[in-house]
């Protein structure tokens, strides 16, 4: 059974410009960088001259398809994600008076003036992240070009994804799980220290190449959050851009963010209808519209448990069932006893969320009950990732320094991951 997928909702979608694509939250980022003008993503108009399509169809999604091709310059095999321009927003920049009715086809308009064609905002968000973050464990974009009425994103060809690896029903060794988890956390750390939250982390969105390198991908739901201030109800999050974490040391930004006040304006509120259901944190299930990187850390915890057991940790049928499954293991967030100060609440601010409603009181169970073969250190990391209260969740930088990764067996090298389980590609 596959996890229910999330369709993105139209929010504050970015605009297109004549010279390229205006990056989302560009005004905030420009201000943060001391620049008066937002950056643009240049788009080329070549493609057929450089790439030759192979007889392989790799997949199809809501906004386009992915095909296999050969780069005629480098002779490497690549993947090309072809995304249709938004049919309903031909003149996203507002320049609707430049073309007479019926004078030019939509494809001609795209080739001649690609900036005036409306791209779906998820495409622009994905392009922004892939162009700006150069990190081994984050999927990048090799090239961008126009072909007829498609914007084409050229990417490294990957061997498969974590979902396919889990679905192979072969129990992964602990050293394999550690290697994969380290790579996911490094990719997330690269996003979070630049104030980007992924918002759809799931096994199907973590790809693996034939060398065992894992890459966080699919950034259509990603958003900038609280740059450079702390965002949402989550308060111990951001690392400064370019700053690396050192074992045993807490960065100045991490330290300050634990006590910094929330700073979110009305226009910065975000939708809660993100993240594939089985990997969605409880604050989003309760309708939170102010949040940050802790939503990704909950998803990481769910992925870690799935890698260890071979099965989803919380395979809910709907949002209510999802919450019930979470609370049956982690306990209910607010109880009558807690309100009477007889015991501490697991999540004091839960009742203030827009869609909160009380569940029957349930005490938390030990994670050992569902992962009996796991050592104390792995359960400790899982416990820190799966905190109901997002402000108590461990950050990616902190997780990378967790003692579980130092314990034997040590993480294997990526080249030793069992990529053969993904089958032929």
Foldseek 3Di string as FASTA:
>chain_A
DDFFAFDDDDAPFFFFAQAAGFAPVQCVVCVLVVHRDGDGDGAAADDVVFKAFDPAWDAADDFFGKGWIAGNVVRAIWIKTWGFFDPVQQQRVPPPPPDDPPPDDSLVCCNVGVRRTHHTRLVSQQQVVQDPFDDQQAWHFPHWHGDRRIIMTITHDFLAWQVLVLVLVDQDDPLALLQVLLSVLRQLLSQQQQQKAQQADDRRQWTAHLQLRIHGHRRSPIDRADVPADWFPAFQEYHHHPDAFDAPDDDPSSVVSLPGDHDDDPSQFAWLSTYRLLQAAVLSLQTGRIDGRLRVLSSSLQRSVCSNPSDGQQRAPDSVSSVVSLCQAAWWQDDPCCVVVNDPGLAVCSVVGNRDDGDPGHHHDQPCVVVVPDDPQVSVLSCLSRRNHSNSHDYSNVSSNRCVCVDPPHRDRSNPRPSCSSPGD
